[in-house]
Amino acid sequence: VAKSSRPCKIILFKKNDDGKTFTKVSNAVYYDSTALPGIGDDSGSVTYHFRIPFLALEGGATVKRIGLYPNIISNEEDDLCAYYNFTDGNEIEIPTDGNNYTIIIEWKLTINNAK
């Protein structure tokens, strides 16, 4: 059961005109190399590396959110493990020219032991 709930893929989203909801602009993409664990004094982490090819993206979109998901997604809103919202001016602009490009994302997920 735990294996199917483990984060292993991401989806990119654009913000809708209402300013509150999001629409996906990529297919779900699995990490492309072994997740790297890390151990701190009061924390543990895992670093995921993703390569998103241009064929998996919606050209011309502005990525405002990245969602981290488990292997099995039944509902994109409810099954979200974690997300990151880009601040204004730091979004990812997806080109429309159709060139061969790849977006590379390295995501470090850290869990702290609160005292």
N, C-alpha and C. Protein backbone atom coordinates (compact mmCIF):
# COMPACT_ATOMS: atom_id res chain seq x y z
N VAL A 1 0.83 -1.18 0.00
CA VAL A 1 0.00 0.00 0.00
C VAL A 1 0.88 1.26 0.00
N ALA A 2 1.93 1.27 0.78
CA ALA A 2 2.80 2.45 0.88
C ALA A 2 3.45 2.76 -0.47
N LYS A 3 3.82 1.73 -1.22
CA LYS A 3 4.48 1.97 -2.50
C LYS A 3 3.59 2.74 -3.46
N SER A 4 2.30 2.47 -3.49
CA SER A 4 1.40 3.17 -4.40
C SER A 4 1.14 4.60 -3.95
N SER A 5 1.46 4.94 -2.70
CA SER A 5 1.25 6.30 -2.17
C SER A 5 2.52 7.14 -2.17
N ARG A 6 3.65 6.53 -2.51
CA ARG A 6 4.93 7.24 -2.50
C ARG A 6 5.00 8.23 -3.66
N PRO A 7 5.43 9.47 -3.41
CA PRO A 7 5.55 10.45 -4.49
C PRO A 7 6.54 9.97 -5.55
N CYS A 8 6.17 10.07 -6.82
CA CYS A 8 7.07 9.62 -7.87
C CYS A 8 6.89 10.35 -9.20
N LYS A 9 5.91 11.25 -9.31
CA LYS A 9 5.73 11.97 -10.57
C LYS A 9 5.19 13.37 -10.31
N ILE A 10 5.36 14.22 -11.32
CA ILE A 10 4.90 15.59 -11.20
C ILE A 10 4.00 15.95 -12.38
N ILE A 11 3.19 16.99 -12.15
CA ILE A 11 2.35 17.58 -13.19
C ILE A 11 2.51 19.10 -13.07
N LEU A 12 2.63 19.76 -14.21
CA LEU A 12 2.73 21.21 -14.23
C LEU A 12 1.35 21.82 -14.49
N PHE A 13 1.07 22.99 -13.88
CA PHE A 13 -0.24 23.63 -13.99
C PHE A 13 -0.11 25.11 -14.33
N LYS A 14 -1.12 25.62 -15.02
CA LYS A 14 -1.26 27.06 -15.22
C LYS A 14 -2.43 27.53 -14.37
N LYS A 15 -2.42 28.83 -14.03
CA LYS A 15 -3.52 29.39 -13.24
C LYS A 15 -4.63 29.81 -14.18
N ASN A 16 -5.86 29.49 -13.83
CA ASN A 16 -7.01 29.86 -14.65
C ASN A 16 -7.35 31.34 -14.49
N ASP A 17 -8.20 31.84 -15.34
CA ASP A 17 -8.57 33.25 -15.34
C ASP A 17 -9.24 33.68 -14.04
N ASP A 18 -9.86 32.74 -13.32
CA ASP A 18 -10.51 33.11 -12.05
C ASP A 18 -9.49 33.41 -10.95
N GLY A 19 -8.20 33.08 -11.20
CA GLY A 19 -7.14 33.37 -10.25
C GLY A 19 -7.07 32.43 -9.07
N LYS A 20 -7.93 31.42 -9.04
CA LYS A 20 -7.96 30.50 -7.89
C LYS A 20 -7.72 29.04 -8.27
N THR A 21 -8.17 28.64 -9.43
CA THR A 21 -8.06 27.24 -9.83
C THR A 21 -6.94 27.07 -10.85
N PHE A 22 -6.55 25.82 -11.05
CA PHE A 22 -5.44 25.50 -11.94
C PHE A 22 -5.85 24.45 -12.96
N THR A 23 -5.21 24.49 -14.13
CA THR A 23 -5.42 23.50 -15.18
C THR A 23 -4.06 22.93 -15.56
N LYS A 24 -4.00 21.63 -15.76
CA LYS A 24 -2.70 21.03 -16.06
C LYS A 24 -2.25 21.37 -17.48
N VAL A 25 -0.94 21.55 -17.63
CA VAL A 25 -0.34 21.86 -18.92
C VAL A 25 0.73 20.83 -19.29
N SER A 26 0.76 19.73 -18.54
CA SER A 26 1.68 18.65 -18.87
C SER A 26 1.05 17.32 -18.50
N ASN A 27 1.59 16.28 -19.09
CA ASN A 27 1.24 14.94 -18.66
C ASN A 27 1.96 14.67 -17.34
N ALA A 28 1.54 13.64 -16.63
CA ALA A 28 2.27 13.22 -15.43
C ALA A 28 3.60 12.61 -15.88
N VAL A 29 4.69 13.04 -15.26
CA VAL A 29 6.02 12.60 -15.64
C VAL A 29 6.70 11.99 -14.42
N TYR A 30 7.21 10.76 -14.58
CA TYR A 30 7.93 10.08 -13.50
C TYR A 30 9.33 10.64 -13.36
N TYR A 31 9.91 10.52 -12.14
CA TYR A 31 11.30 10.93 -11.98
C TYR A 31 12.16 10.03 -12.85
N ASP A 32 13.28 10.59 -13.32
CA ASP A 32 14.07 9.89 -14.32
C ASP A 32 15.35 9.24 -13.79
N SER A 33 15.58 9.35 -12.48
CA SER A 33 16.72 8.69 -11.87
C SER A 33 16.34 8.31 -10.45
N THR A 34 17.14 7.51 -9.83
CA THR A 34 16.85 7.06 -8.47
C THR A 34 16.74 8.26 -7.53
N ALA A 35 15.69 8.27 -6.72
CA ALA A 35 15.52 9.33 -5.73
C ALA A 35 16.65 9.22 -4.71
N LEU A 36 17.24 10.36 -4.37
CA LEU A 36 18.39 10.36 -3.47
C LEU A 36 17.97 10.75 -2.05
N PRO A 37 18.17 9.85 -1.08
CA PRO A 37 17.82 10.18 0.31
C PRO A 37 18.89 11.04 0.96
N GLY A 38 18.47 11.81 1.94
CA GLY A 38 19.41 12.62 2.72
C GLY A 38 18.99 12.60 4.17
N ILE A 39 19.95 12.67 5.09
CA ILE A 39 19.65 12.64 6.51
C ILE A 39 20.32 13.83 7.18
N GLY A 40 19.54 14.60 7.95
CA GLY A 40 20.06 15.71 8.74
C GLY A 40 19.94 15.37 10.21
N ASP A 41 20.27 16.32 11.09
CA ASP A 41 20.17 16.09 12.53
C ASP A 41 18.74 15.80 12.97
N ASP A 42 17.81 16.61 12.51
CA ASP A 42 16.41 16.45 12.89
C ASP A 42 15.50 16.33 11.68
N SER A 43 16.04 15.87 10.57
CA SER A 43 15.22 15.80 9.36
C SER A 43 15.70 14.70 8.44
N GLY A 44 14.84 14.39 7.51
CA GLY A 44 15.16 13.46 6.44
C GLY A 44 14.68 14.09 5.15
N SER A 45 15.30 13.76 4.05
CA SER A 45 14.89 14.34 2.78
C SER A 45 15.06 13.33 1.66
N VAL A 46 14.42 13.63 0.57
CA VAL A 46 14.60 12.85 -0.65
C VAL A 46 14.58 13.85 -1.80
N THR A 47 15.51 13.66 -2.74
CA THR A 47 15.60 14.56 -3.89
C THR A 47 15.20 13.79 -5.14
N TYR A 48 14.23 14.34 -5.85
CA TYR A 48 13.74 13.76 -7.10
C TYR A 48 14.25 14.59 -8.27
N HIS A 49 14.54 13.93 -9.37
CA HIS A 49 15.01 14.60 -10.58
C HIS A 49 14.03 14.26 -11.71
N PHE A 50 13.48 15.29 -12.33
CA PHE A 50 12.50 15.11 -13.40
C PHE A 50 12.99 15.77 -14.68
N ARG A 51 12.76 15.12 -15.80
CA ARG A 51 12.99 15.69 -17.13
C ARG A 51 11.66 15.63 -17.86
N ILE A 52 11.15 16.82 -18.22
CA ILE A 52 9.85 16.89 -18.88
C ILE A 52 10.09 17.29 -20.34
N PRO A 53 9.88 16.37 -21.28
CA PRO A 53 10.13 16.66 -22.69
C PRO A 53 9.05 17.58 -23.28
N PHE A 54 9.42 18.31 -24.32
CA PHE A 54 8.49 19.26 -24.93
C PHE A 54 7.21 18.59 -25.41
N LEU A 55 7.26 17.32 -25.77
CA LEU A 55 6.06 16.62 -26.23
C LEU A 55 5.03 16.44 -25.12
N ALA A 56 5.44 16.55 -23.86
CA ALA A 56 4.53 16.38 -22.73
C ALA A 56 3.95 17.70 -22.25
N LEU A 57 4.27 18.82 -22.95
CA LEU A 57 3.89 20.15 -22.48
C LEU A 57 2.92 20.85 -23.43
N GLU A 58 2.15 21.77 -22.87
CA GLU A 58 1.25 22.61 -23.66
C GLU A 58 1.99 23.90 -24.02
N GLY A 59 2.29 24.07 -25.29
CA GLY A 59 3.04 25.24 -25.74
C GLY A 59 2.29 26.54 -25.46
N GLY A 60 3.03 27.57 -25.07
CA GLY A 60 2.46 28.88 -24.82
C GLY A 60 1.90 29.09 -23.42
N ALA A 61 1.89 28.06 -22.61
CA ALA A 61 1.34 28.17 -21.25
C ALA A 61 2.39 28.74 -20.30
N THR A 62 1.91 29.32 -19.21
CA THR A 62 2.77 29.82 -18.14
C THR A 62 2.56 28.94 -16.91
N VAL A 63 3.59 28.23 -16.50
CA VAL A 63 3.50 27.31 -15.37
C VAL A 63 3.55 28.11 -14.07
N LYS A 64 2.48 27.98 -13.28
CA LYS A 64 2.38 28.68 -11.99
C LYS A 64 2.46 27.72 -10.80
N ARG A 65 2.24 26.41 -11.04
CA ARG A 65 2.26 25.43 -9.96
C ARG A 65 2.83 24.11 -10.47
N ILE A 66 3.57 23.44 -9.58
CA ILE A 66 4.03 22.08 -9.84
C ILE A 66 3.46 21.21 -8.74
N GLY A 67 2.85 20.10 -9.10
CA GLY A 67 2.30 19.17 -8.13
C GLY A 67 3.08 17.86 -8.11
N LEU A 68 3.33 17.34 -6.92
CA LEU A 68 4.03 16.06 -6.73
C LEU A 68 2.98 15.01 -6.38
N TYR A 69 2.98 13.89 -7.11
CA TYR A 69 1.92 12.90 -7.01
C TYR A 69 2.46 11.48 -6.79
N PRO A 70 1.60 10.61 -6.25
CA PRO A 70 1.96 9.19 -6.14
C PRO A 70 1.77 8.50 -7.49
N ASN A 71 2.08 7.23 -7.54
CA ASN A 71 1.97 6.46 -8.77
C ASN A 71 0.55 6.41 -9.31
N ILE A 72 -0.41 6.17 -8.44
CA ILE A 72 -1.81 6.06 -8.87
C ILE A 72 -2.54 7.35 -8.50
N ILE A 73 -3.06 8.03 -9.53
CA ILE A 73 -3.79 9.28 -9.32
C ILE A 73 -5.24 9.05 -9.72
N SER A 74 -6.14 9.13 -8.75
CA SER A 74 -7.55 9.01 -9.07
C SER A 74 -8.19 10.39 -9.21
N ASN A 75 -7.66 11.37 -8.47
CA ASN A 75 -8.15 12.74 -8.53
C ASN A 75 -6.96 13.67 -8.30
N GLU A 76 -6.69 14.55 -9.27
CA GLU A 76 -5.50 15.40 -9.18
C GLU A 76 -5.53 16.36 -7.99
N GLU A 77 -6.70 16.74 -7.54
CA GLU A 77 -6.79 17.65 -6.39
C GLU A 77 -6.57 16.91 -5.07
N ASP A 78 -7.18 15.74 -4.92
CA ASP A 78 -7.15 15.00 -3.66
C ASP A 78 -5.89 14.16 -3.47
N ASP A 79 -5.26 13.73 -4.55
CA ASP A 79 -4.11 12.83 -4.45
C ASP A 79 -2.77 13.56 -4.42
N LEU A 80 -2.78 14.86 -4.38
CA LEU A 80 -1.59 15.67 -4.37
C LEU A 80 -0.78 15.43 -3.08
N CYS A 81 0.50 15.07 -3.22
CA CYS A 81 1.37 14.87 -2.05
C CYS A 81 1.96 16.19 -1.58
N ALA A 82 2.36 17.03 -2.52
CA ALA A 82 2.94 18.34 -2.22
C ALA A 82 2.83 19.19 -3.48
N TYR A 83 2.94 20.50 -3.31
CA TYR A 83 2.95 21.38 -4.47
C TYR A 83 3.83 22.59 -4.21
N TYR A 84 4.21 23.25 -5.30
CA TYR A 84 4.98 24.48 -5.21
C TYR A 84 4.34 25.49 -6.14
N ASN A 85 4.03 26.68 -5.61
CA ASN A 85 3.49 27.77 -6.42
C ASN A 85 4.62 28.74 -6.75
N PHE A 86 4.79 29.04 -8.01
CA PHE A 86 5.78 30.02 -8.42
C PHE A 86 5.30 31.42 -8.09
N THR A 87 6.19 32.26 -7.63
CA THR A 87 5.85 33.66 -7.37
C THR A 87 5.82 34.41 -8.70
N ASP A 88 5.13 35.54 -8.72
CA ASP A 88 5.05 36.34 -9.94
C ASP A 88 6.44 36.73 -10.39
N GLY A 89 6.68 36.56 -11.67
CA GLY A 89 7.99 36.86 -12.25
C GLY A 89 8.94 35.68 -12.27
N ASN A 90 8.60 34.60 -11.59
CA ASN A 90 9.47 33.41 -11.54
C ASN A 90 8.81 32.19 -12.18
N GLU A 91 7.75 32.39 -12.95
CA GLU A 91 7.05 31.29 -13.59
C GLU A 91 7.91 30.67 -14.70
N ILE A 92 7.48 29.51 -15.18
CA ILE A 92 8.12 28.87 -16.33
C ILE A 92 7.26 29.16 -17.55
N GLU A 93 7.83 29.81 -18.54
CA GLU A 93 7.14 30.10 -19.80
C GLU A 93 7.45 28.97 -20.77
N ILE A 94 6.42 28.27 -21.22
CA ILE A 94 6.62 27.18 -22.17
C ILE A 94 6.59 27.77 -23.58
N PRO A 95 7.65 27.59 -24.37
CA PRO A 95 7.69 28.14 -25.73
C PRO A 95 6.61 27.55 -26.64
N THR A 96 6.25 28.30 -27.66
CA THR A 96 5.26 27.83 -28.63
C THR A 96 5.89 27.39 -29.93
N ASP A 97 7.19 27.60 -30.09
CA ASP A 97 7.83 27.37 -31.38
C ASP A 97 8.03 25.90 -31.73
N GLY A 98 7.82 24.98 -30.79
CA GLY A 98 7.92 23.56 -31.09
C GLY A 98 9.33 23.03 -31.18
N ASN A 99 10.31 23.80 -30.76
CA ASN A 99 11.68 23.30 -30.76
C ASN A 99 11.81 22.14 -29.79
N ASN A 100 12.88 21.41 -29.94
CA ASN A 100 13.14 20.28 -29.07
C ASN A 100 13.80 20.80 -27.79
N TYR A 101 13.07 20.82 -26.69
CA TYR A 101 13.59 21.30 -25.42
C TYR A 101 13.07 20.39 -24.31
N THR A 102 13.69 20.50 -23.15
CA THR A 102 13.32 19.72 -21.98
C THR A 102 13.36 20.64 -20.77
N ILE A 103 12.35 20.53 -19.91
CA ILE A 103 12.37 21.25 -18.64
C ILE A 103 12.91 20.27 -17.60
N ILE A 104 13.92 20.70 -16.86
CA ILE A 104 14.52 19.87 -15.83
C ILE A 104 14.16 20.44 -14.47
N ILE A 105 13.60 19.61 -13.62
CA ILE A 105 13.20 20.03 -12.28
C ILE A 105 13.84 19.08 -11.26
N GLU A 106 14.47 19.67 -10.27
CA GLU A 106 15.00 18.90 -9.14
C GLU A 106 14.20 19.32 -7.92
N TRP A 107 13.54 18.37 -7.30
CA TRP A 107 12.63 18.64 -6.17
C TRP A 107 13.17 17.95 -4.93
N LYS A 108 13.45 18.76 -3.89
CA LYS A 108 13.92 18.19 -2.63
C LYS A 108 12.77 18.28 -1.63
N LEU A 109 12.32 17.14 -1.17
CA LEU A 109 11.24 17.04 -0.20
C LEU A 109 11.86 16.72 1.16
N THR A 110 11.64 17.60 2.13
CA THR A 110 12.25 17.45 3.44
C THR A 110 11.18 17.31 4.52
N ILE A 111 11.41 16.40 5.44
CA ILE A 111 10.51 16.21 6.59
C ILE A 111 11.34 16.47 7.84
N ASN A 112 10.86 17.41 8.66
CA ASN A 112 11.57 17.78 9.88
C ASN A 112 10.91 17.15 11.09
N ASN A 113 11.70 16.84 12.09
CA ASN A 113 11.20 16.34 13.36
C ASN A 113 11.06 17.54 14.30
N ALA A 114 9.83 18.04 14.45
CA ALA A 114 9.60 19.22 15.30
C ALA A 114 9.81 18.85 16.75
N LYS A 115 10.36 19.80 17.49
CA LYS A 115 10.59 19.57 18.92
C LYS A 115 9.68 20.43 19.73
